[in-house]
Amino acid sequence: QVQLVESGGGLVQAGGSLRLSCAASRSIFNIYTMDWYRQAPGNKRELVASITSGGTTNYADSVKGRFTISRDNAKNTVYLQMNNLKPEDTAVYYCRITTNQALYWGQGTQVTVSS
């Protein structure tokens, strides 16, 4: 069973930066997309950013220009560089990997942005 392990969350002041990482416990084949979602208390889980196997990226309007998603296929790892963080970015961030056969979720990492 594949496990996704996220890291890099924490507490940061508004305007600061964090880099999230999500590493798979073993090699994953036939990956379609690697995504980052987030869920704030009382809110639905929302898509923040995604990257396809070909490198095409997509971002939520609320994070465009501030967040950058990238991937290292050799390491089965996806990253989320978050700059100019705002208090409204506070949430638990989850990574997700979709293949032709399965969907994998990480356990989540807390990001808290203080004003």
PDB file of N, CA and C in Angstrom:
ATOM      1  N   GLN A   1       0.839  -1.180   0.000  1.00  0.00           N
ATOM      2  CA  GLN A   1       0.000   0.000   0.000  1.00  0.00           C
ATOM      3  C   GLN A   1       0.886   1.246   0.000  1.00  0.00           C
ATOM      4  N   VAL A   2       0.585   2.174  -0.873  1.00  0.00           N
ATOM      5  CA  VAL A   2       1.360   3.406  -0.958  1.00  0.00           C
ATOM      6  C   VAL A   2       0.921   4.368   0.126  1.00  0.00           C
ATOM      7  N   GLN A   3       1.873   4.973   0.779  1.00  0.00           N
ATOM      8  CA  GLN A   3       1.596   6.041   1.742  1.00  0.00           C
ATOM      9  C   GLN A   3       2.227   7.326   1.253  1.00  0.00           C
ATOM     10  N   LEU A   4       1.515   8.417   1.458  1.00  0.00           N
ATOM     11  CA  LEU A   4       2.033   9.732   1.118  1.00  0.00           C
ATOM     12  C   LEU A   4       2.353  10.456   2.421  1.00  0.00           C
ATOM     13  N   VAL A   5       3.568  10.946   2.519  1.00  0.00           N
ATOM     14  CA  VAL A   5       4.015  11.611   3.747  1.00  0.00           C
ATOM     15  C   VAL A   5       4.287  13.070   3.440  1.00  0.00           C
ATOM     16  N   GLU A   6       3.509  13.944   4.095  1.00  0.00           N
ATOM     17  CA  GLU A   6       3.659  15.374   3.892  1.00  0.00           C
ATOM     18  C   GLU A   6       4.544  15.967   4.979  1.00  0.00           C
ATOM     19  N   SER A   7       5.217  17.038   4.631  1.00  0.00           N
ATOM     20  CA  SER A   7       6.041  17.759   5.603  1.00  0.00           C
ATOM     21  C   SER A   7       6.151  19.207   5.168  1.00  0.00           C
ATOM     22  N   GLY A   8       6.620  20.039   6.094  1.00  0.00           N
ATOM     23  CA  GLY A   8       6.874  21.433   5.764  1.00  0.00           C
ATOM     24  C   GLY A   8       5.860  22.416   6.309  1.00  0.00           C
ATOM     25  N   GLY A   9       4.791  21.922   6.908  1.00  0.00           N
ATOM     26  CA  GLY A   9       3.816  22.838   7.476  1.00  0.00           C
ATOM     27  C   GLY A   9       4.349  23.496   8.741  1.00  0.00           C
ATOM     28  N   GLY A  10       3.587  24.473   9.229  1.00  0.00           N
ATOM     29  CA  GLY A  10       4.010  25.145  10.453  1.00  0.00           C
ATOM     30  C   GLY A  10       3.307  26.465  10.626  1.00  0.00           C
ATOM     31  N   LEU A  11       3.858  27.258  11.530  1.00  0.00           N
ATOM     32  CA  LEU A  11       3.320  28.581  11.842  1.00  0.00           C
ATOM     33  C   LEU A  11       4.221  29.640  11.218  1.00  0.00           C
ATOM     34  N   VAL A  12       3.602  30.573  10.507  1.00  0.00           N
ATOM     35  CA  VAL A  12       4.370  31.631   9.855  1.00  0.00           C
ATOM     36  C   VAL A  12       3.574  32.921   9.914  1.00  0.00           C
ATOM     37  N   GLN A  13       4.271  34.029   9.911  1.00  0.00           N
ATOM     38  CA  GLN A  13       3.591  35.321   9.889  1.00  0.00           C
ATOM     39  C   GLN A  13       3.126  35.653   8.482  1.00  0.00           C
ATOM     40  N   ALA A  14       2.114  36.480   8.409  1.00  0.00           N
ATOM     41  CA  ALA A  14       1.626  36.934   7.113  1.00  0.00           C
ATOM     42  C   ALA A  14       2.779  37.544   6.315  1.00  0.00           C
ATOM     43  N   GLY A  15       2.807  37.215   5.023  1.00  0.00           N
ATOM     44  CA  GLY A  15       3.898  37.660   4.175  1.00  0.00           C
ATOM     45  C   GLY A  15       5.056  36.690   4.095  1.00  0.00           C
ATOM     46  N   GLY A  16       5.048  35.687   4.939  1.00  0.00           N
ATOM     47  CA  GLY A  16       6.121  34.709   4.963  1.00  0.00           C
ATOM     48  C   GLY A  16       5.925  33.601   3.945  1.00  0.00           C
ATOM     49  N   SER A  17       6.841  32.637   3.988  1.00  0.00           N
ATOM     50  CA  SER A  17       6.833  31.540   3.010  1.00  0.00           C
ATOM     51  C   SER A  17       6.979  30.200   3.712  1.00  0.00           C
ATOM     52  N   LEU A  18       6.426  29.187   3.069  1.00  0.00           N
ATOM     53  CA  LEU A  18       6.615  27.807   3.475  1.00  0.00           C
ATOM     54  C   LEU A  18       6.711  26.944   2.226  1.00  0.00           C
ATOM     55  N   ARG A  19       7.400  25.825   2.360  1.00  0.00           N
ATOM     56  CA  ARG A  19       7.470  24.863   1.265  1.00  0.00           C
ATOM     57  C   ARG A  19       6.996  23.517   1.766  1.00  0.00           C
ATOM     58  N   LEU A  20       5.915  23.038   1.195  1.00  0.00           N
ATOM     59  CA  LEU A  20       5.383  21.733   1.554  1.00  0.00           C
ATOM     60  C   LEU A  20       5.953  20.667   0.624  1.00  0.00           C
ATOM     61  N   SER A  21       6.180  19.495   1.188  1.00  0.00           N
ATOM     62  CA  SER A  21       6.637  18.347   0.408  1.00  0.00           C
ATOM     63  C   SER A  21       5.703  17.175   0.654  1.00  0.00           C
ATOM     64  N   CYS A  22       5.555  16.349  -0.352  1.00  0.00           N
ATOM     65  CA  CYS A  22       4.742  15.140  -0.235  1.00  0.00           C
ATOM     66  C   CYS A  22       5.483  14.021  -0.964  1.00  0.00           C
ATOM     67  N   ALA A  23       5.940  13.055  -0.199  1.00  0.00           N
ATOM     68  CA  ALA A  23       6.724  11.965  -0.766  1.00  0.00           C
ATOM     69  C   ALA A  23       5.969  10.648  -0.657  1.00  0.00           C
ATOM     70  N   ALA A  24       6.010   9.882  -1.723  1.00  0.00           N
ATOM     71  CA  ALA A  24       5.382   8.564  -1.713  1.00  0.00           C
ATOM     72  C   ALA A  24       6.332   7.537  -1.102  1.00  0.00           C
ATOM     73  N   SER A  25       5.754   6.562  -0.427  1.00  0.00           N
ATOM     74  CA  SER A  25       6.566   5.559   0.271  1.00  0.00           C
ATOM     75  C   SER A  25       7.254   4.590  -0.687  1.00  0.00           C
ATOM     76  N   ARG A  26       6.771   4.537  -1.912  1.00  0.00           N
ATOM     77  CA  ARG A  26       7.418   3.691  -2.917  1.00  0.00           C
ATOM     78  C   ARG A  26       7.094   4.257  -4.286  1.00  0.00           C
ATOM     79  N   SER A  27       7.704   3.726  -5.293  1.00  0.00           N
ATOM     80  CA  SER A  27       7.483   4.212  -6.646  1.00  0.00           C
ATOM     81  C   SER A  27       6.019   4.027  -7.057  1.00  0.00           C
ATOM     82  N   ILE A  28       5.502   5.016  -7.730  1.00  0.00           N
ATOM     83  CA  ILE A  28       4.139   4.982  -8.241  1.00  0.00           C
ATOM     84  C   ILE A  28       4.196   5.137  -9.754  1.00  0.00           C
ATOM     85  N   PHE A  29       3.499   4.258 -10.429  1.00  0.00           N
ATOM     86  CA  PHE A  29       3.532   4.281 -11.891  1.00  0.00           C
ATOM     87  C   PHE A  29       2.215   4.804 -12.459  1.00  0.00           C
ATOM     88  N   ASN A  30       2.307   5.300 -13.682  1.00  0.00           N
ATOM     89  CA  ASN A  30       1.110   5.768 -14.385  1.00  0.00           C
ATOM     90  C   ASN A  30       0.388   6.866 -13.612  1.00  0.00           C
ATOM     91  N   ILE A  31       1.170   7.830 -13.129  1.00  0.00           N
ATOM     92  CA  ILE A  31       0.574   8.965 -12.425  1.00  0.00           C
ATOM     93  C   ILE A  31      -0.087   9.902 -13.424  1.00  0.00           C
ATOM     94  N   TYR A  32      -1.317  10.284 -13.143  1.00  0.00           N
ATOM     95  CA  TYR A  32      -2.004  11.277 -13.962  1.00  0.00           C
ATOM     96  C   TYR A  32      -1.715  12.671 -13.423  1.00  0.00           C
ATOM     97  N   THR A  33      -2.118  12.880 -12.187  1.00  0.00           N
ATOM     98  CA  THR A  33      -1.909  14.204 -11.602  1.00  0.00           C
ATOM     99  C   THR A  33      -1.429  14.081 -10.160  1.00  0.00           C
ATOM    100  N   MET A  34      -0.759  15.132  -9.726  1.00  0.00           N
ATOM    101  CA  MET A  34      -0.367  15.279  -8.333  1.00  0.00           C
ATOM    102  C   MET A  34      -0.946  16.619  -7.891  1.00  0.00           C
ATOM    103  N   ASP A  35      -1.665  16.607  -6.783  1.00  0.00           N
ATOM    104  CA  ASP A  35      -2.432  17.784  -6.381  1.00  0.00           C
ATOM    105  C   ASP A  35      -2.176  18.142  -4.924  1.00  0.00           C
ATOM    106  N   TRP A  36      -2.452  19.404  -4.630  1.00  0.00           N
ATOM    107  CA  TRP A  36      -2.519  19.866  -3.250  1.00  0.00           C
ATOM    108  C   TRP A  36      -3.922  20.411  -3.004  1.00  0.00           C
ATOM    109  N   TYR A  37      -4.515  19.952  -1.924  1.00  0.00           N
ATOM    110  CA  TYR A  37      -5.812  20.441  -1.453  1.00  0.00           C
ATOM    111  C   TYR A  37      -5.613  21.078  -0.082  1.00  0.00           C
ATOM    112  N   ARG A  38      -6.600  21.823   0.352  1.00  0.00           N
ATOM    113  CA  ARG A  38      -6.582  22.337   1.715  1.00  0.00           C
ATOM    114  C   ARG A  38      -7.989  22.377   2.270  1.00  0.00           C
ATOM    115  N   GLN A  39      -8.061  22.320   3.590  1.00  0.00           N
ATOM    116  CA  GLN A  39      -9.348  22.366   4.260  1.00  0.00           C
ATOM    117  C   GLN A  39      -9.211  23.163   5.540  1.00  0.00           C
ATOM    118  N   ALA A  40      -9.946  24.268   5.581  1.00  0.00           N
ATOM    119  CA  ALA A  40      -9.992  25.091   6.776  1.00  0.00           C
ATOM    120  C   ALA A  40     -11.182  24.651   7.633  1.00  0.00           C
ATOM    121  N   PRO A  41     -11.147  24.912   8.927  1.00  0.00           N
ATOM    122  CA  PRO A  41     -12.254  24.512   9.797  1.00  0.00           C
ATOM    123  C   PRO A  41     -13.591  25.043   9.308  1.00  0.00           C
ATOM    124  N   GLY A  42     -14.561  24.156   9.197  1.00  0.00           N
ATOM    125  CA  GLY A  42     -15.891  24.549   8.758  1.00  0.00           C
ATOM    126  C   GLY A  42     -16.057  24.676   7.253  1.00  0.00           C
ATOM    127  N   ASN A  43     -14.959  24.478   6.527  1.00  0.00           N
ATOM    128  CA  ASN A  43     -15.015  24.610   5.062  1.00  0.00           C
ATOM    129  C   ASN A  43     -14.843  23.260   4.381  1.00  0.00           C
ATOM    130  N   LYS A  44     -15.245  23.208   3.114  1.00  0.00           N
ATOM    131  CA  LYS A  44     -15.014  22.009   2.323  1.00  0.00           C
ATOM    132  C   LYS A  44     -13.553  21.957   1.883  1.00  0.00           C
ATOM    133  N   ARG A  45     -13.092  20.764   1.598  1.00  0.00           N
ATOM    134  CA  ARG A  45     -11.748  20.617   1.064  1.00  0.00           C
ATOM    135  C   ARG A  45     -11.741  21.193  -0.352  1.00  0.00           C
ATOM    136  N   GLU A  46     -10.735  22.016  -0.637  1.00  0.00           N
ATOM    137  CA  GLU A  46     -10.670  22.669  -1.939  1.00  0.00           C
ATOM    138  C   GLU A  46      -9.334  22.408  -2.611  1.00  0.00           C
ATOM    139  N   LEU A  47      -9.385  22.373  -3.943  1.00  0.00           N
ATOM    140  CA  LEU A  47      -8.170  22.184  -4.723  1.00  0.00           C
ATOM    141  C   LEU A  47      -7.375  23.480  -4.735  1.00  0.00           C
ATOM    142  N   VAL A  48      -6.100  23.379  -4.400  1.00  0.00           N
ATOM    143  CA  VAL A  48      -5.218  24.536  -4.384  1.00  0.00           C
ATOM    144  C   VAL A  48      -4.394  24.581  -5.665  1.00  0.00           C
ATOM    145  N   ALA A  49      -3.785  23.450  -6.024  1.00  0.00           N
ATOM    146  CA  ALA A  49      -2.917  23.410  -7.197  1.00  0.00           C
ATOM    147  C   ALA A  49      -2.799  21.978  -7.668  1.00  0.00           C
ATOM    148  N   SER A  50      -2.556  21.832  -8.961  1.00  0.00           N
ATOM    149  CA  SER A  50      -2.358  20.500  -9.524  1.00  0.00           C
ATOM    150  C   SER A  50      -1.310  20.562 -10.612  1.00  0.00           C
ATOM    151  N   ILE A  51      -0.682  19.417 -10.850  1.00  0.00           N
ATOM    152  CA  ILE A  51       0.307  19.312 -11.912  1.00  0.00           C
ATOM    153  C   ILE A  51       0.145  17.952 -12.573  1.00  0.00           C
ATOM    154  N   THR A  52       0.106  17.965 -13.905  1.00  0.00           N
ATOM    155  CA  THR A  52      -0.079  16.718 -14.635  1.00  0.00           C
ATOM    156  C   THR A  52       1.259  16.026 -14.874  1.00  0.00           C
ATOM    157  N   SER A  53       1.175  14.830 -15.419  1.00  0.00           N
ATOM    158  CA  SER A  53       2.400  14.092 -15.726  1.00  0.00           C
ATOM    159  C   SER A  53       3.247  14.833 -16.754  1.00  0.00           C
ATOM    160  N   GLY A  54       2.594  15.641 -17.576  1.00  0.00           N
ATOM    161  CA  GLY A  54       3.321  16.417 -18.568  1.00  0.00           C
ATOM    162  C   GLY A  54       3.828  17.748 -18.072  1.00  0.00           C
ATOM    163  N   GLY A  55       3.481  18.077 -16.833  1.00  0.00           N
ATOM    164  CA  GLY A  55       3.981  19.315 -16.244  1.00  0.00           C
ATOM    165  C   GLY A  55       3.024  20.491 -16.323  1.00  0.00           C
ATOM    166  N   THR A  56       1.839  20.280 -16.835  1.00  0.00           N
ATOM    167  CA  THR A  56       0.855  21.360 -16.877  1.00  0.00           C
ATOM    168  C   THR A  56       0.334  21.632 -15.475  1.00  0.00           C
ATOM    169  N   THR A  57       0.312  22.904 -15.112  1.00  0.00           N
ATOM    170  CA  THR A  57      -0.122  23.281 -13.766  1.00  0.00           C
ATOM    171  C   THR A  57      -1.442  24.036 -13.799  1.00  0.00           C
ATOM    172  N   ASN A  58      -2.117  23.975 -12.667  1.00  0.00           N
ATOM    173  CA  ASN A  58      -3.393  24.674 -12.513  1.00  0.00           C
ATOM    174  C   ASN A  58      -3.483  25.145 -11.068  1.00  0.00           C
ATOM    175  N   TYR A  59      -4.000  26.356 -10.871  1.00  0.00           N
ATOM    176  CA  TYR A  59      -4.053  26.934  -9.536  1.00  0.00           C
ATOM    177  C   TYR A  59      -5.436  27.508  -9.245  1.00  0.00           C
ATOM    178  N   ALA A  60      -5.810  27.464  -7.996  1.00  0.00           N
ATOM    179  CA  ALA A  60      -6.988  28.180  -7.557  1.00  0.00           C
ATOM    180  C   ALA A  60      -6.714  29.677  -7.696  1.00  0.00           C
ATOM    181  N   ASP A  61      -7.758  30.432  -8.012  1.00  0.00           N
ATOM    182  CA  ASP A  61      -7.570  31.881  -8.203  1.00  0.00           C
ATOM    183  C   ASP A  61      -6.983  32.545  -6.964  1.00  0.00           C
ATOM    184  N   SER A  62      -7.328  32.031  -5.812  1.00  0.00           N
ATOM    185  CA  SER A  62      -6.898  32.659  -4.563  1.00  0.00           C
ATOM    186  C   SER A  62      -5.402  32.539  -4.311  1.00  0.00           C
ATOM    187  N   VAL A  63      -4.723  31.640  -5.009  1.00  0.00           N
ATOM    188  CA  VAL A  63      -3.291  31.436  -4.761  1.00  0.00           C
ATOM    189  C   VAL A  63      -2.429  31.740  -5.985  1.00  0.00           C
ATOM    190  N   LYS A  64      -3.030  32.073  -7.104  1.00  0.00           N
ATOM    191  CA  LYS A  64      -2.263  32.365  -8.316  1.00  0.00           C
ATOM    192  C   LYS A  64      -1.286  33.505  -8.065  1.00  0.00           C
ATOM    193  N   GLY A  65      -0.069  33.291  -8.536  1.00  0.00           N
ATOM    194  CA  GLY A  65       0.960  34.299  -8.361  1.00  0.00           C
ATOM    195  C   GLY A  65       1.695  34.209  -7.033  1.00  0.00           C
ATOM    196  N   ARG A  66       1.175  33.404  -6.106  1.00  0.00           N
ATOM    197  CA  ARG A  66       1.816  33.259  -4.796  1.00  0.00           C
ATOM    198  C   ARG A  66       2.326  31.831  -4.557  1.00  0.00           C
ATOM    199  N   PHE A  67       1.617  30.845  -5.060  1.00  0.00           N
ATOM    200  CA  PHE A  67       1.981  29.442  -4.848  1.00  0.00           C
ATOM    201  C   PHE A  67       2.521  28.848  -6.145  1.00  0.00           C
ATOM    202  N   THR A  68       3.452  27.915  -5.993  1.00  0.00           N
ATOM    203  CA  THR A  68       4.003  27.208  -7.140  1.00  0.00           C
ATOM    204  C   THR A  68       4.072  25.721  -6.822  1.00  0.00           C
ATOM    205  N   ILE A  69       3.472  24.913  -7.685  1.00  0.00           N
ATOM    206  CA  ILE A  69       3.529  23.466  -7.524  1.00  0.00           C
ATOM    207  C   ILE A  69       4.600  22.909  -8.460  1.00  0.00           C
ATOM    208  N   SER A  70       5.328  21.927  -7.979  1.00  0.00           N
ATOM    209  CA  SER A  70       6.340  21.284  -8.800  1.00  0.00           C
ATOM    210  C   SER A  70       6.439  19.812  -8.389  1.00  0.00           C
ATOM    211  N   ARG A  71       7.127  19.043  -9.200  1.00  0.00           N
ATOM    212  CA  ARG A  71       7.231  17.621  -8.906  1.00  0.00           C
ATOM    213  C   ARG A  71       8.597  17.106  -9.296  1.00  0.00           C
ATOM    214  N   ASP A  72       9.007  16.062  -8.604  1.00  0.00           N
ATOM    215  CA  ASP A  72      10.235  15.341  -8.924  1.00  0.00           C
ATOM    216  C   ASP A  72       9.815  13.900  -9.183  1.00  0.00           C
ATOM    217  N   ASN A  73       9.717  13.545 -10.444  1.00  0.00           N
ATOM    218  CA  ASN A  73       9.207  12.216 -10.786  1.00  0.00           C
ATOM    219  C   ASN A  73      10.119  11.106 -10.262  1.00  0.00           C
ATOM    220  N   ALA A  74      11.400  11.351 -10.290  1.00  0.00           N
ATOM    221  CA  ALA A  74      12.344  10.326  -9.844  1.00  0.00           C
ATOM    222  C   ALA A  74      12.170  10.012  -8.358  1.00  0.00           C
ATOM    223  N   LYS A  75      11.726  11.008  -7.610  1.00  0.00           N
ATOM    224  CA  LYS A  75      11.561  10.836  -6.165  1.00  0.00           C
ATOM    225  C   LYS A  75      10.100  10.630  -5.779  1.00  0.00           C
ATOM    226  N   ASN A  76       9.206  10.606  -6.769  1.00  0.00           N
ATOM    227  CA  ASN A  76       7.768  10.493  -6.485  1.00  0.00           C
ATOM    228  C   ASN A  76       7.346  11.511  -5.426  1.00  0.00           C
ATOM    229  N   THR A  77       7.795  12.730  -5.643  1.00  0.00           N
ATOM    230  CA  THR A  77       7.546  13.789  -4.669  1.00  0.00           C
ATOM    231  C   THR A  77       6.927  14.994  -5.362  1.00  0.00           C
ATOM    232  N   VAL A  78       5.988  15.607  -4.690  1.00  0.00           N
ATOM    233  CA  VAL A  78       5.386  16.841  -5.180  1.00  0.00           C
ATOM    234  C   VAL A  78       5.579  17.916  -4.117  1.00  0.00           C
ATOM    235  N   TYR A  79       5.816  19.138  -4.575  1.00  0.00           N
ATOM    236  CA  TYR A  79       6.111  20.249  -3.690  1.00  0.00           C
ATOM    237  C   TYR A  79       5.074  21.363  -3.893  1.00  0.00           C
ATOM    238  N   LEU A  80       4.932  22.165  -2.858  1.00  0.00           N
ATOM    239  CA  LEU A  80       4.121  23.375  -2.972  1.00  0.00           C
ATOM    240  C   LEU A  80       4.882  24.505  -2.288  1.00  0.00           C
ATOM    241  N   GLN A  81       5.404  25.405  -3.102  1.00  0.00           N
ATOM    242  CA  GLN A  81       6.076  26.589  -2.581  1.00  0.00           C
ATOM    243  C   GLN A  81       5.023  27.664  -2.375  1.00  0.00           C
ATOM    244  N   MET A  82       4.911  28.144  -1.149  1.00  0.00           N
ATOM    245  CA  MET A  82       3.888  29.128  -0.803  1.00  0.00           C
ATOM    246  C   MET A  82       4.563  30.405  -0.342  1.00  0.00           C
ATOM    247  N   ASN A  83       4.371  31.463  -1.107  1.00  0.00           N
ATOM    248  CA  ASN A  83       4.960  32.766  -0.788  1.00  0.00           C
ATOM    249  C   ASN A  83       3.855  33.770  -0.466  1.00  0.00           C
ATOM    250  N   ASN A  84       4.255  34.835   0.190  1.00  0.00           N
ATOM    251  CA  ASN A  84       3.311  35.903   0.546  1.00  0.00           C
ATOM    252  C   ASN A  84       2.050  35.317   1.188  1.00  0.00           C
ATOM    253  N   LEU A  85       2.255  34.505   2.174  1.00  0.00           N
ATOM    254  CA  LEU A  85       1.128  33.835   2.817  1.00  0.00           C
ATOM    255  C   LEU A  85       0.217  34.818   3.530  1.00  0.00           C
ATOM    256  N   LYS A  86      -1.064  34.488   3.537  1.00  0.00           N
ATOM    257  CA  LYS A  86      -2.088  35.319   4.150  1.00  0.00           C
ATOM    258  C   LYS A  86      -2.813  34.516   5.227  1.00  0.00           C
ATOM    259  N   PRO A  87      -3.411  35.179   6.197  1.00  0.00           N
ATOM    260  CA  PRO A  87      -4.144  34.450   7.240  1.00  0.00           C
ATOM    261  C   PRO A  87      -5.210  33.513   6.655  1.00  0.00           C
ATOM    262  N   GLU A  88      -5.800  33.893   5.550  1.00  0.00           N
ATOM    263  CA  GLU A  88      -6.834  33.039   4.938  1.00  0.00           C
ATOM    264  C   GLU A  88      -6.270  31.779   4.291  1.00  0.00           C
ATOM    265  N   ASP A  89      -4.957  31.660   4.248  1.00  0.00           N
ATOM    266  CA  ASP A  89      -4.331  30.424   3.766  1.00  0.00           C
ATOM    267  C   ASP A  89      -4.254  29.371   4.872  1.00  0.00           C
ATOM    268  N   THR A  90      -4.601  29.755   6.077  1.00  0.00           N
ATOM    269  CA  THR A  90      -4.564  28.818   7.201  1.00  0.00           C
ATOM    270  C   THR A  90      -5.497  27.648   6.955  1.00  0.00           C
ATOM    271  N   ALA A  91      -4.957  26.440   7.016  1.00  0.00           N
ATOM    272  CA  ALA A  91      -5.734  25.223   6.734  1.00  0.00           C
ATOM    273  C   ALA A  91      -4.840  24.009   6.929  1.00  0.00           C
ATOM    274  N   VAL A  92      -5.458  22.853   6.868  1.00  0.00           N
ATOM    275  CA  VAL A  92      -4.694  21.606   6.744  1.00  0.00           C
ATOM    276  C   VAL A  92      -4.531  21.346   5.249  1.00  0.00           C
ATOM    277  N   TYR A  93      -3.294  21.122   4.837  1.00  0.00           N
ATOM    278  CA  TYR A  93      -2.983  20.904   3.439  1.00  0.00           C
ATOM    279  C   TYR A  93      -2.750  19.406   3.194  1.00  0.00           C
ATOM    280  N   TYR A  94      -3.384  18.899   2.150  1.00  0.00           N
ATOM    281  CA  TYR A  94      -3.303  17.488   1.800  1.00  0.00           C
ATOM    282  C   TYR A  94      -2.765  17.332   0.382  1.00  0.00           C
ATOM    283  N   CYS A  95      -1.923  16.345   0.181  1.00  0.00           N
ATOM    284  CA  CYS A  95      -1.524  16.019  -1.179  1.00  0.00           C
ATOM    285  C   CYS A  95      -2.344  14.819  -1.654  1.00  0.00           C
ATOM    286  N   ARG A  96      -2.474  14.742  -2.959  1.00  0.00           N
ATOM    287  CA  ARG A  96      -3.221  13.636  -3.571  1.00  0.00           C
ATOM    288  C   ARG A  96      -2.522  13.242  -4.861  1.00  0.00           C
ATOM    289  N   ILE A  97      -2.411  11.961  -5.077  1.00  0.00           N
ATOM    290  CA  ILE A  97      -1.848  11.440  -6.314  1.00  0.00           C
ATOM    291  C   ILE A  97      -2.872  10.535  -6.975  1.00  0.00           C
ATOM    292  N   THR A  98      -3.122  10.808  -8.240  1.00  0.00           N
ATOM    293  CA  THR A  98      -4.077  10.019  -9.021  1.00  0.00           C
ATOM    294  C   THR A  98      -3.331   9.243 -10.097  1.00  0.00           C
ATOM    295  N   THR A  99      -3.586   7.945 -10.133  1.00  0.00           N
ATOM    296  CA  THR A  99      -3.011   7.116 -11.177  1.00  0.00           C
ATOM    297  C   THR A  99      -4.135   6.545 -12.033  1.00  0.00           C
ATOM    298  N   ASN A 100      -3.772   5.676 -12.956  1.00  0.00           N
ATOM    299  CA  ASN A 100      -4.804   5.060 -13.793  1.00  0.00           C
ATOM    300  C   ASN A 100      -5.597   4.013 -13.012  1.00  0.00           C
ATOM    301  N   GLN A 101      -5.154   3.678 -11.807  1.00  0.00           N
ATOM    302  CA  GLN A 101      -5.833   2.632 -11.048  1.00  0.00           C
ATOM    303  C   GLN A 101      -6.235   3.045  -9.639  1.00  0.00           C
ATOM    304  N   ALA A 102      -5.672   4.103  -9.121  1.00  0.00           N
ATOM    305  CA  ALA A 102      -5.912   4.393  -7.705  1.00  0.00           C
ATOM    306  C   ALA A 102      -5.796   5.875  -7.407  1.00  0.00           C
ATOM    307  N   LEU A 103      -6.276   6.209  -6.206  1.00  0.00           N
ATOM    308  CA  LEU A 103      -6.222   7.577  -5.698  1.00  0.00           C
ATOM    309  C   LEU A 103      -5.600   7.500  -4.316  1.00  0.00           C
ATOM    310  N   TYR A 104      -4.560   8.283  -4.078  1.00  0.00           N
ATOM    311  CA  TYR A 104      -3.875   8.259  -2.796  1.00  0.00           C
ATOM    312  C   TYR A 104      -3.932   9.635  -2.153  1.00  0.00           C
ATOM    313  N   TRP A 105      -4.160   9.656  -0.839  1.00  0.00           N
ATOM    314  CA  TRP A 105      -4.176  10.903  -0.065  1.00  0.00           C
ATOM    315  C   TRP A 105      -3.121  10.851   1.027  1.00  0.00           C
ATOM    316  N   GLY A 106      -2.542  12.008   1.294  1.00  0.00           N
ATOM    317  CA  GLY A 106      -1.670  12.124   2.444  1.00  0.00           C
ATOM    318  C   GLY A 106      -2.480  12.386   3.698  1.00  0.00           C
ATOM    319  N   GLN A 107      -1.787  12.422   4.830  1.00  0.00           N
ATOM    320  CA  GLN A 107      -2.471  12.575   6.110  1.00  0.00           C
ATOM    321  C   GLN A 107      -2.743  14.027   6.467  1.00  0.00           C
ATOM    322  N   GLY A 108      -2.124  14.934   5.746  1.00  0.00           N
ATOM    323  CA  GLY A 108      -2.345  16.352   5.986  1.00  0.00           C
ATOM    324  C   GLY A 108      -1.261  16.984   6.832  1.00  0.00           C
ATOM    325  N   THR A 109      -0.992  18.242   6.568  1.00  0.00           N
ATOM    326  CA  THR A 109      -0.042  19.016   7.365  1.00  0.00           C
ATOM    327  C   THR A 109      -0.643  20.390   7.622  1.00  0.00           C
ATOM    328  N   GLN A 110      -0.534  20.841   8.864  1.00  0.00           N
ATOM    329  CA  GLN A 110      -1.171  22.100   9.256  1.00  0.00           C
ATOM    330  C   GLN A 110      -0.312  23.287   8.838  1.00  0.00           C
ATOM    331  N   VAL A 111      -0.957  24.263   8.231  1.00  0.00           N
ATOM    332  CA  VAL A 111      -0.334  25.548   7.923  1.00  0.00           C
ATOM    333  C   VAL A 111      -1.143  26.622   8.636  1.00  0.00           C
ATOM    334  N   THR A 112      -0.474  27.392   9.460  1.00  0.00           N
ATOM    335  CA  THR A 112      -1.132  28.469  10.197  1.00  0.00           C
ATOM    336  C   THR A 112      -0.407  29.768   9.910  1.00  0.00           C
ATOM    337  N   VAL A 113      -1.162  30.757   9.447  1.00  0.00           N
ATOM    338  CA  VAL A 113      -0.591  32.057   9.108  1.00  0.00           C
ATOM    339  C   VAL A 113      -1.165  33.087  10.059  1.00  0.00           C
ATOM    340  N   SER A 114      -0.299  33.727  10.820  1.00  0.00           N
ATOM    341  CA  SER A 114      -0.742  34.728  11.787  1.00  0.00           C
ATOM    342  C   SER A 114      -0.700  36.116  11.158  1.00  0.00           C
ATOM    343  N   SER A 115      -1.607  36.947  11.610  1.00  0.00           N
ATOM    344  CA  SER A 115      -1.681  38.305  11.054  1.00  0.00           C
ATOM    345  C   SER A 115      -0.805  39.265  11.820  1.00  0.00           C
TER     346      SER A 115
END
